[in-house]
Amino acid sequence: MDQLIQIAYLLAASSFILGLKFLSSPETAPRGMLLAQGGMLVAVIATLLNYGIVSYGLILSGIVIGAAIGTLMATKVQMTDMPQMVALLNGFGGLSSALVGGAEYLRAQPNLTPQAVITIALTVLIGMATLTGSLIAFAKLQALMKSAPLLFRFQHGLNFLLFLIALGLFAVLTVAPGTSFAFWALAALAAILGFLIVIPIGGGDMPVVISLLNSYSGLAAAASGFVLSNTVLIISGSLVGSAGIILSQLMCKAMNRSLANVLFGGFGHAETAAQTVAGDSAEKAPPPAQPEVQSATPEAAAEIFKKAKSVIIVPGYGMAVAQAQHTVKSLATLLQAQGTTVSYAIHPVAGRMPGHMNVLLAEADVPYDQLIDMDDINEDFENTDVSLVIGANDVVNPAADTDPESPIYGMPILHVEGSKTVMVLKRSMKPGFAGIENPLFFKPNTLMIFGDAKGTVERMVAALA
């Protein structure tokens, strides 16, 4: 039986690897999901065949309750709330690993070895930090707390001190594995660290944070696999952990920033770079005069669309908030019917989680070949009649190229300003999550169309129709 279980685990692990490979393309992603789900089913069945299972009744109860909660969450959650759901699921993964570690610590006493207790403690440390960090990310995304960074004096010093204390608790457990106080103190300390690590990170960096927390949950699962000597947990957790780290690095590259800068920089603060550099003198000096913005009605915008031969749509978080993706698809359909070429420019960090815009547009059945990455579409803006920016702000801000004092300087952006006409759909002139003004709004070829994105696009569709 043990050999059959190990073979099943090998098949499951292989399906995870192949499923991850298929996820690299939108066309093959559904096949990859089915393959990975099938592998997980095989792994669960193989685990249930293990003679060491204590109570099938408890396991069945857990499956039923978990399936009911998961089904309810999946059917009720709005696509605009998907980042919050992903953050919660990362936290649940960390919690499950921490519970496995805690249960194994209680079960193995008093025969704990130093090697075993260190593995268990590492599982609990990563799991609890992932749980509380994910809860803070959820609270920021759900607007239960301010999305701006929460900073206080000696914050990094406190984090470093707590980290040193954690190392000390590890040392105590190595010498005396049965020291329960050190173990549970480490669990509590990990929960505090997770909280303190995420609160200084601003809302604009949430995509990176969610990806990083996903990686943490994978590492916690891999550590729990070592605790339980479970091969499939080790492999699957390692896949999630490494994929999350790679994705985090790619997203940081897309913002021209290091991962350390995201974690410790407090980016997203409402204070502008000019205020930071100038200090108190900025308060005394009057702000420079800004040119007037050019505003237009949706009906006037529709008249411009009627003459356009090419249109690039740039979606942002504002489209998600307004749930305008289906209306945007209707607009694109009308434009294509009149012979206009339509494509969508996707910035890697647009939205609040990795691939946020792709998920929303896929829900509206936008063809995958119309979704074009930033690097592949930036050269097209100069030959485009109209760029329609829907709720995006920082990812189209020219200050990233022109203002060395801007906090987003050096960040790769979508160069929409090169289009003949730029239409920006926003509720107001309020800055984005970076908290800085966007010079794009004042350019002579930019039209500001104020209002809810969904309602505005609906009026455009009506005028075109």
Protein backbone atom coordinates (compact mmCIF):
# COMPACT_ATOMS: atom_id res chain seq x y z
CA MET A 1 0.00 0.00 0.00
CA ASP A 2 2.83 2.42 0.83
CA GLN A 3 4.29 1.95 -2.64
CA LEU A 4 0.92 2.66 -4.28
CA ILE A 5 0.56 5.82 -2.20
CA GLN A 6 4.01 7.04 -3.23
CA ILE A 7 3.25 6.32 -6.91
CA ALA A 8 0.01 8.28 -6.58
CA TYR A 9 1.94 11.16 -5.00
CA LEU A 10 4.42 11.08 -7.89
CA LEU A 11 1.57 11.25 -10.42
CA ALA A 12 -0.03 14.12 -8.49
CA ALA A 13 3.25 16.04 -8.33
CA SER A 14 3.77 15.54 -12.07
CA SER A 15 0.29 16.90 -12.77
CA PHE A 16 1.06 19.99 -10.66
CA ILE A 17 4.22 20.67 -12.65
CA LEU A 18 2.52 20.17 -16.02
CA GLY A 19 -0.49 22.19 -14.90
CA LEU A 20 1.79 25.08 -13.95
CA LYS A 21 3.43 24.84 -17.36
CA PHE A 22 0.03 25.04 -19.10
CA LEU A 23 -0.86 28.12 -17.05
CA SER A 24 1.80 30.06 -18.96
CA SER A 25 -0.64 30.55 -21.84
CA PRO A 26 -4.27 31.78 -21.69
CA GLU A 27 -5.29 29.22 -24.30
CA THR A 28 -3.95 26.26 -22.30
CA ALA A 29 -4.69 27.64 -18.81
CA PRO A 30 -8.08 25.86 -18.43
CA ARG A 31 -6.40 22.55 -19.28
CA GLY A 32 -3.69 23.29 -16.74
CA MET A 33 -6.26 24.00 -14.03
CA LEU A 34 -8.10 20.73 -14.73
CA LEU A 35 -4.84 18.78 -14.70
CA ALA A 36 -3.72 20.32 -11.40
CA GLN A 37 -7.16 19.76 -9.84
CA GLY A 38 -7.08 16.13 -10.94
CA GLY A 39 -3.65 15.74 -9.39
CA MET A 40 -4.89 17.19 -6.12
CA LEU A 41 -7.82 14.75 -6.14
CA VAL A 42 -5.39 11.85 -6.62
CA ALA A 43 -3.23 13.14 -3.76
CA VAL A 44 -6.22 13.45 -1.42
CA ILE A 45 -7.48 9.94 -2.22
CA ALA A 46 -4.00 8.50 -1.75
CA THR A 47 -3.69 10.23 1.62
CA LEU A 48 -7.05 8.83 2.73
CA LEU A 49 -5.76 5.31 1.97
CA ASN A 50 -2.96 5.80 4.47
CA TYR A 51 -3.40 3.44 7.40
CA GLY A 52 -2.26 6.17 9.77
CA ILE A 53 -5.49 8.14 9.31
CA VAL A 54 -7.13 8.44 12.72
CA SER A 55 -10.76 9.30 12.02
CA TYR A 56 -12.47 9.24 8.64
CA GLY A 57 -15.51 10.84 10.26
CA LEU A 58 -13.58 13.98 11.20
CA ILE A 59 -11.96 14.14 7.78
CA LEU A 60 -15.31 13.78 6.02
CA SER A 61 -16.75 16.52 8.20
CA GLY A 62 -13.87 18.80 7.29
CA ILE A 63 -14.31 18.07 3.59
CA VAL A 64 -18.04 18.82 3.70
CA ILE A 65 -17.65 22.04 5.71
CA GLY A 66 -14.70 23.23 3.64
CA ALA A 67 -16.44 22.44 0.35
CA ALA A 68 -19.54 24.32 1.48
CA ILE A 69 -17.54 27.40 2.49
CA GLY A 70 -15.45 27.30 -0.69
CA THR A 71 -18.49 26.93 -2.92
CA LEU A 72 -20.24 29.83 -1.19
CA MET A 73 -17.19 32.07 -1.52
CA ALA A 74 -16.65 31.15 -5.18
CA THR A 75 -20.25 31.76 -6.19
CA LYS A 76 -20.87 34.92 -4.18
CA VAL A 77 -17.63 36.85 -4.60
CA GLN A 78 -17.64 39.62 -7.20
CA MET A 79 -14.82 39.69 -9.74
CA THR A 80 -13.91 43.11 -8.37
CA ASP A 81 -13.38 41.51 -4.96
CA MET A 82 -11.12 38.76 -6.27
CA PRO A 83 -7.92 40.34 -4.84
CA GLN A 84 -9.45 40.27 -1.35
CA MET A 85 -10.43 36.63 -1.82
CA VAL A 86 -6.93 35.69 -2.98
CA ALA A 87 -5.48 37.44 0.07
CA LEU A 88 -7.82 35.50 2.36
CA LEU A 89 -6.99 32.19 0.69
CA ASN A 90 -3.28 32.88 1.17
CA GLY A 91 -4.01 33.46 4.85
CA PHE A 92 -6.00 30.24 5.12
CA GLY A 93 -3.08 28.35 3.59
CA GLY A 94 -0.71 29.80 6.16
CA LEU A 95 -3.12 29.01 8.99
CA SER A 96 -3.52 25.38 7.90
CA SER A 97 0.27 24.89 7.84
CA ALA A 98 0.61 26.51 11.27
CA LEU A 99 -2.10 24.23 12.68
CA VAL A 100 -0.34 21.18 11.25
CA GLY A 101 2.89 22.29 12.89
CA GLY A 102 1.20 22.95 16.24
CA ALA A 103 -0.61 19.61 16.20
CA GLU A 104 2.58 17.74 15.36
CA TYR A 105 4.42 19.54 18.17
CA LEU A 106 1.82 18.37 20.69
CA ARG A 107 1.70 14.83 19.24
CA ALA A 108 5.44 14.21 19.17
CA GLN A 109 6.18 15.20 22.77
CA PRO A 110 8.14 14.13 24.74
CA ASN A 111 10.19 12.46 22.00
CA LEU A 112 10.94 15.58 19.96
CA THR A 113 14.39 15.81 18.38
CA PRO A 114 16.09 19.15 17.73
CA GLN A 115 15.83 18.58 13.96
CA ALA A 116 12.11 17.84 14.15
CA VAL A 117 11.24 20.79 16.37
CA ILE A 118 13.14 23.23 14.14
CA THR A 119 11.17 22.04 11.11
CA ILE A 120 7.91 22.32 13.04
CA ALA A 121 8.81 25.77 14.39
CA LEU A 122 9.71 26.99 10.90
CA THR A 123 6.32 25.81 9.64
CA VAL A 124 4.51 27.70 12.39
CA LEU A 125 6.66 30.81 11.92
CA ILE A 126 5.98 31.11 8.18
CA GLY A 127 2.35 30.05 8.54
CA MET A 128 1.41 32.54 11.24
CA ALA A 129 3.23 35.42 9.52
CA THR A 130 1.38 34.56 6.30
CA LEU A 131 -1.96 34.51 8.13
CA THR A 132 -1.72 37.92 9.78
CA GLY A 133 -0.01 39.53 6.79
CA SER A 134 -2.78 38.28 4.51
CA LEU A 135 -5.46 39.56 6.88
CA ILE A 136 -3.90 43.04 6.76
CA ALA A 137 -3.74 42.87 2.96
CA PHE A 138 -7.41 41.86 2.92
CA ALA A 139 -8.33 44.73 5.25
CA LYS A 140 -6.54 47.27 3.04
CA LEU A 141 -8.11 45.95 -0.15
CA GLN A 142 -11.57 45.82 1.44
CA ALA A 143 -11.15 49.41 2.72
CA LEU A 144 -11.52 48.21 6.32
CA MET A 145 -8.33 50.16 6.98
CA LYS A 146 -6.52 52.89 5.05
CA SER A 147 -4.60 51.68 2.03
CA ALA A 148 -1.79 54.18 2.67
CA PRO A 149 1.31 52.91 4.49
CA LEU A 150 1.13 52.94 8.28
CA LEU A 151 4.52 54.18 9.41
CA PHE A 152 5.92 54.99 12.84
CA ARG A 153 9.34 55.75 14.29
CA PHE A 154 11.81 52.89 14.73
CA GLN A 155 9.49 50.59 12.79
CA HIS A 156 12.23 48.73 10.95
CA GLY A 157 14.28 48.58 14.13
CA LEU A 158 11.38 46.96 15.97
CA ASN A 159 10.96 44.40 13.19
CA PHE A 160 14.66 43.57 13.34
CA LEU A 161 14.51 43.22 17.13
CA LEU A 162 11.56 40.83 16.89
CA PHE A 163 13.44 38.84 14.26
CA LEU A 164 16.42 38.51 16.62
CA ILE A 165 14.08 37.34 19.39
CA ALA A 166 12.66 34.75 17.00
CA LEU A 167 16.19 33.47 16.32
CA GLY A 168 16.75 33.27 20.07
CA LEU A 169 13.57 31.20 20.50
CA PHE A 170 14.79 28.90 17.72
CA ALA A 171 18.05 28.44 19.63
CA VAL A 172 16.14 27.60 22.83
CA LEU A 173 14.07 25.00 20.99
CA THR A 174 17.19 23.46 19.48
CA VAL A 175 18.72 22.97 22.92
CA ALA A 176 15.46 22.05 24.70
CA PRO A 177 12.82 20.89 22.14
CA GLY A 178 10.19 20.37 24.84
CA THR A 179 10.16 24.04 25.92
CA SER A 180 6.51 24.76 25.21
CA PHE A 181 6.71 28.41 26.24
CA ALA A 182 9.37 29.12 23.59
CA PHE A 183 7.34 27.36 20.91
CA TRP A 184 4.07 29.20 21.54
CA ALA A 185 5.92 32.50 22.04
CA LEU A 186 7.45 31.96 18.61
CA ALA A 187 3.98 31.42 17.12
CA ALA A 188 2.70 34.67 18.68
CA LEU A 189 5.82 36.53 17.59
CA ALA A 190 5.33 35.31 14.00
CA ALA A 191 1.77 36.65 14.01
CA ILE A 192 3.02 40.06 15.17
CA LEU A 193 5.77 40.08 12.53
CA GLY A 194 3.28 39.32 9.76
CA PHE A 195 1.19 42.29 10.90
CA LEU A 196 4.17 44.66 11.13
CA ILE A 197 5.62 43.63 7.78
CA VAL A 198 2.48 44.44 5.77
CA ILE A 199 1.11 47.60 7.44
CA PRO A 200 3.87 49.87 6.01
CA ILE A 201 3.10 48.75 2.45
CA GLY A 202 0.80 51.01 0.45
CA GLY A 203 -2.17 50.02 -1.65
CA GLY A 204 -0.25 50.63 -4.86
CA ASP A 205 2.03 47.73 -3.99
CA MET A 206 -0.73 45.26 -3.15
CA PRO A 207 -0.19 43.16 -6.32
CA VAL A 208 3.38 42.45 -5.22
CA VAL A 209 2.31 41.82 -1.62
CA ILE A 210 -0.37 39.32 -2.64
CA SER A 211 2.11 37.49 -4.86
CA LEU A 212 4.67 37.43 -2.03
CA LEU A 213 2.12 36.16 0.51
CA ASN A 214 1.16 33.46 -1.98
CA SER A 215 4.81 32.45 -1.99
CA TYR A 216 4.88 32.40 1.82
CA SER A 217 1.84 30.12 1.92
CA GLY A 218 3.64 27.75 -0.46
CA LEU A 219 6.77 27.75 1.67
CA ALA A 220 4.65 27.04 4.75
CA ALA A 221 3.02 24.10 2.95
CA ALA A 222 6.42 22.76 1.91
CA ALA A 223 7.65 23.03 5.50
CA SER A 224 4.56 21.17 6.75
CA GLY A 225 5.36 18.49 4.13
CA PHE A 226 8.73 17.97 5.80
CA VAL A 227 7.00 17.80 9.18
CA LEU A 228 4.63 15.08 7.94
CA SER A 229 7.17 13.40 5.61
CA ASN A 230 4.66 13.97 2.80
CA THR A 231 6.28 14.13 -0.64
CA VAL A 232 3.40 15.72 -2.51
CA LEU A 233 3.12 18.54 0.05
CA ILE A 234 6.83 19.27 -0.27
CA ILE A 235 6.69 19.39 -4.07
CA SER A 236 3.45 21.37 -4.38
CA GLY A 237 4.48 23.83 -1.68
CA SER A 238 7.86 24.35 -3.32
CA LEU A 239 6.17 25.01 -6.67
CA VAL A 240 3.88 27.62 -5.15
CA GLY A 241 6.70 29.20 -3.18
CA SER A 242 9.12 29.47 -6.09
CA ALA A 243 6.42 30.62 -8.55
CA GLY A 244 5.31 33.33 -6.12
CA ILE A 245 8.86 34.60 -5.63
CA ILE A 246 9.50 34.68 -9.38
CA LEU A 247 6.22 36.52 -10.00
CA SER A 248 7.03 39.02 -7.23
CA GLN A 249 10.41 39.73 -8.80
CA LEU A 250 8.87 40.17 -12.25
CA MET A 251 6.31 42.61 -10.89
CA CYS A 252 8.99 44.57 -9.06
CA LYS A 253 10.94 44.72 -12.33
CA ALA A 254 7.80 46.08 -13.99
CA MET A 255 7.86 48.92 -11.44
CA ASN A 256 11.66 49.34 -11.68
CA ARG A 257 11.97 48.73 -7.95
CA SER A 258 13.55 46.11 -5.74
CA LEU A 259 11.59 43.75 -3.54
CA ALA A 260 13.29 45.27 -0.50
CA ASN A 261 12.05 48.71 -1.57
CA VAL A 262 8.48 47.40 -1.73
CA LEU A 263 8.74 45.77 1.69
CA PHE A 264 10.54 48.58 3.49
CA GLY A 265 10.03 51.71 1.38
CA GLY A 266 6.52 52.70 2.46
CA PHE A 267 5.59 53.40 -1.16
CA GLY A 268 2.07 54.64 -1.72
CA HIS A 269 2.15 57.33 0.93
CA ALA A 270 -0.07 60.31 0.13
CA GLU A 271 2.89 62.68 0.53
CA THR A 272 4.39 63.68 -2.79
CA ALA A 273 8.04 63.47 -3.69
CA ALA A 274 8.30 67.24 -3.88
CA GLN A 275 7.05 67.57 -0.32
CA THR A 276 9.51 64.96 0.86
CA VAL A 277 12.46 66.72 -0.75
CA ALA A 278 11.50 70.28 0.06
CA GLY A 279 10.31 69.62 3.61
CA ASP A 280 8.76 72.56 5.42
CA SER A 281 9.61 75.00 2.65
CA ALA A 282 7.06 73.26 0.41
CA GLU A 283 4.33 74.32 2.81
CA LYS A 284 5.37 77.97 2.60
CA ALA A 285 5.78 78.15 -1.16
CA PRO A 286 2.59 78.38 -3.23
CA PRO A 287 1.97 75.41 -5.51
CA PRO A 288 2.88 75.99 -9.16
CA ALA A 289 0.01 76.99 -11.40
CA GLN A 290 -1.39 74.14 -13.46
CA PRO A 291 -2.99 74.54 -16.87
CA GLU A 292 -6.68 73.86 -17.14
CA VAL A 293 -7.73 70.37 -18.04
CA GLN A 294 -9.86 69.77 -21.10
CA SER A 295 -13.05 67.92 -20.24
CA ALA A 296 -15.55 66.34 -22.59
CA THR A 297 -18.88 64.55 -22.46
CA PRO A 298 -19.29 60.87 -23.35
CA GLU A 299 -21.33 61.93 -26.39
CA ALA A 300 -18.51 64.15 -27.64
CA ALA A 301 -16.09 61.28 -27.10
CA ALA A 302 -18.35 59.02 -29.17
CA GLU A 303 -18.07 61.45 -32.10
CA ILE A 304 -14.29 61.13 -31.94
CA PHE A 305 -14.58 57.34 -31.81
CA LYS A 306 -16.67 57.37 -35.00
CA LYS A 307 -13.70 58.76 -36.92
CA ALA A 308 -11.04 56.58 -35.24
CA LYS A 309 -9.30 53.82 -37.19
CA SER A 310 -7.41 52.44 -34.19
CA VAL A 311 -8.21 52.42 -30.47
CA ILE A 312 -6.20 51.11 -27.53
CA ILE A 313 -8.09 50.56 -24.27
CA VAL A 314 -6.04 50.86 -21.09
CA PRO A 315 -7.90 49.27 -18.14
CA GLY A 316 -7.11 50.04 -14.52
CA TYR A 317 -8.50 49.53 -11.05
CA GLY A 318 -11.24 52.10 -11.72
CA MET A 319 -12.71 49.71 -14.28
CA ALA A 320 -12.75 46.99 -11.64
CA VAL A 321 -14.43 49.21 -9.04
CA ALA A 322 -17.12 50.30 -11.51
CA GLN A 323 -17.53 46.71 -12.80
CA ALA A 324 -17.36 48.17 -16.29
CA GLN A 325 -15.61 45.29 -18.07
CA HIS A 326 -18.78 44.05 -19.84
CA THR A 327 -19.69 47.55 -20.97
CA VAL A 328 -16.16 48.10 -22.22
CA LYS A 329 -16.46 44.90 -24.25
CA SER A 330 -19.72 46.24 -25.75
CA LEU A 331 -17.94 49.47 -26.72
CA ALA A 332 -15.12 47.50 -28.35
CA THR A 333 -17.64 45.39 -30.28
CA LEU A 334 -19.33 48.50 -31.69
CA LEU A 335 -15.98 50.00 -32.66
CA GLN A 336 -14.93 46.82 -34.43
CA ALA A 337 -18.25 46.72 -36.27
CA GLN A 338 -17.43 50.11 -37.80
CA GLY A 339 -14.01 48.86 -38.89
CA THR A 340 -11.91 50.20 -36.00
CA THR A 341 -8.96 48.13 -34.76
CA VAL A 342 -9.25 47.59 -30.99
CA SER A 343 -6.68 46.23 -28.55
CA TYR A 344 -6.13 46.32 -24.80
CA ALA A 345 -2.87 47.47 -23.19
CA ILE A 346 -2.13 45.47 -20.03
CA HIS A 347 0.34 46.82 -17.47
CA PRO A 348 1.80 44.11 -15.19
CA VAL A 349 0.79 45.89 -11.97
CA ALA A 350 -2.56 47.39 -13.04
CA GLY A 351 -5.20 46.50 -10.45
CA ARG A 352 -4.79 44.95 -7.04
CA MET A 353 -3.44 41.48 -7.79
CA PRO A 354 -1.28 39.82 -10.45
CA GLY A 355 -3.28 39.47 -13.66
CA HIS A 356 -6.23 41.44 -12.28
CA MET A 357 -7.10 43.11 -15.58
CA ASN A 358 -6.72 39.84 -17.50
CA VAL A 359 -9.18 38.13 -15.15
CA LEU A 360 -11.79 40.88 -15.47
CA LEU A 361 -11.57 41.09 -19.26
CA ALA A 362 -11.65 37.31 -19.59
CA GLU A 363 -14.90 37.34 -17.59
CA ALA A 364 -16.30 39.69 -20.25
CA ASP A 365 -15.16 37.26 -23.00
CA VAL A 366 -12.60 39.63 -24.46
CA PRO A 367 -10.46 37.57 -26.90
CA TYR A 368 -7.03 36.72 -25.50
CA ASP A 369 -5.26 37.93 -28.63
CA GLN A 370 -6.54 41.46 -27.98
CA LEU A 371 -4.82 41.59 -24.55
CA ILE A 372 -1.31 42.87 -25.25
CA ASP A 373 1.45 43.26 -22.67
CA MET A 374 3.10 46.61 -22.03
CA ASP A 375 6.40 45.77 -23.73
CA ASP A 376 4.64 44.65 -26.90
CA ILE A 377 2.19 47.53 -27.26
CA ASN A 378 4.13 50.63 -26.21
CA GLU A 379 5.43 51.21 -29.73
CA ASP A 380 1.87 51.20 -31.10
CA PHE A 381 0.62 54.26 -29.22
CA GLU A 382 2.27 56.72 -31.62
CA ASN A 383 0.23 55.28 -34.49
CA THR A 384 -3.03 55.11 -32.52
CA ASP A 385 -5.93 57.49 -33.02
CA VAL A 386 -7.47 57.14 -29.54
CA SER A 387 -6.22 55.72 -26.25
CA LEU A 388 -9.02 55.19 -23.74
CA VAL A 389 -7.69 55.11 -20.17
CA ILE A 390 -10.29 53.63 -17.82
CA GLY A 391 -9.50 54.21 -14.17
CA ALA A 392 -5.74 53.75 -14.59
CA ASN A 393 -3.49 56.42 -13.11
CA ASP A 394 0.06 55.65 -12.04
CA VAL A 395 0.71 53.15 -14.86
CA VAL A 396 0.23 55.93 -17.46
CA ASN A 397 1.91 58.75 -15.54
CA PRO A 398 4.63 60.44 -17.67
CA ALA A 399 6.36 61.61 -14.47
CA ALA A 400 7.88 58.12 -14.34
CA ASP A 401 9.99 59.18 -17.34
CA THR A 402 10.45 62.92 -16.78
CA ASP A 403 10.58 63.70 -13.04
CA PRO A 404 13.63 62.31 -11.16
CA GLU A 405 12.06 63.37 -7.85
CA SER A 406 8.87 61.40 -8.43
CA PRO A 407 8.48 58.24 -6.30
CA ILE A 408 7.58 56.33 -9.48
CA TYR A 409 10.56 57.64 -11.49
CA GLY A 410 12.02 54.85 -13.60
CA MET A 411 8.89 52.72 -13.43
CA PRO A 412 7.98 51.40 -16.91
CA ILE A 413 4.64 52.87 -17.99
CA LEU A 414 2.22 52.70 -20.90
CA HIS A 415 3.09 55.62 -23.20
CA VAL A 416 -0.48 56.63 -23.98
CA GLU A 417 0.53 60.29 -24.32
CA GLY A 418 1.89 59.46 -27.77
CA SER A 419 -1.60 58.81 -29.14
CA LYS A 420 -3.39 61.45 -31.22
CA THR A 421 -6.14 61.67 -28.62
CA VAL A 422 -6.11 60.40 -25.03
CA MET A 423 -9.40 59.99 -23.21
CA VAL A 424 -9.16 59.51 -19.45
CA LEU A 425 -12.18 58.21 -17.54
CA LYS A 426 -12.01 59.19 -13.87
CA ARG A 427 -14.40 60.14 -11.11
CA SER A 428 -12.29 63.16 -10.16
CA MET A 429 -8.79 64.63 -10.35
CA LYS A 430 -7.79 62.74 -7.21
CA PRO A 431 -4.33 61.12 -7.48
CA GLY A 432 -3.89 57.35 -7.66
CA PHE A 433 -2.41 55.13 -4.95
CA ALA A 434 1.04 56.64 -5.42
CA GLY A 435 -0.47 59.91 -4.20
CA ILE A 436 1.08 62.02 -6.95
CA GLU A 437 -0.35 64.24 -9.65
CA ASN A 438 -0.46 62.96 -13.22
CA PRO A 439 0.84 65.44 -15.87
CA LEU A 440 -0.96 63.40 -18.53
CA PHE A 441 -4.26 64.97 -17.48
CA PHE A 442 -3.02 68.45 -18.49
CA LYS A 443 -1.59 67.59 -21.90
CA PRO A 444 -3.23 69.29 -24.92
CA ASN A 445 -4.21 65.97 -26.53
CA THR A 446 -5.90 64.66 -23.35
CA LEU A 447 -9.65 64.82 -22.70
CA MET A 448 -10.89 64.19 -19.16
CA ILE A 449 -14.30 62.51 -18.97
CA PHE A 450 -15.48 62.59 -15.37
CA GLY A 451 -17.94 60.16 -13.85
CA ASP A 452 -18.45 56.51 -13.02
CA ALA A 453 -16.63 54.42 -15.63
CA LYS A 454 -19.53 52.07 -16.28
CA GLY A 455 -22.08 54.84 -16.69
CA THR A 456 -19.73 56.87 -18.88
CA VAL A 457 -19.00 53.96 -21.21
CA GLU A 458 -22.71 53.12 -21.38
CA ARG A 459 -23.39 56.66 -22.63
CA MET A 460 -20.60 56.26 -25.21
CA VAL A 461 -22.15 52.98 -26.39
CA ALA A 462 -25.58 54.58 -26.65
CA ALA A 463 -24.20 57.48 -28.70
CA LEU A 464 -22.29 55.13 -31.01
CA ALA A 465 -25.28 52.84 -31.45
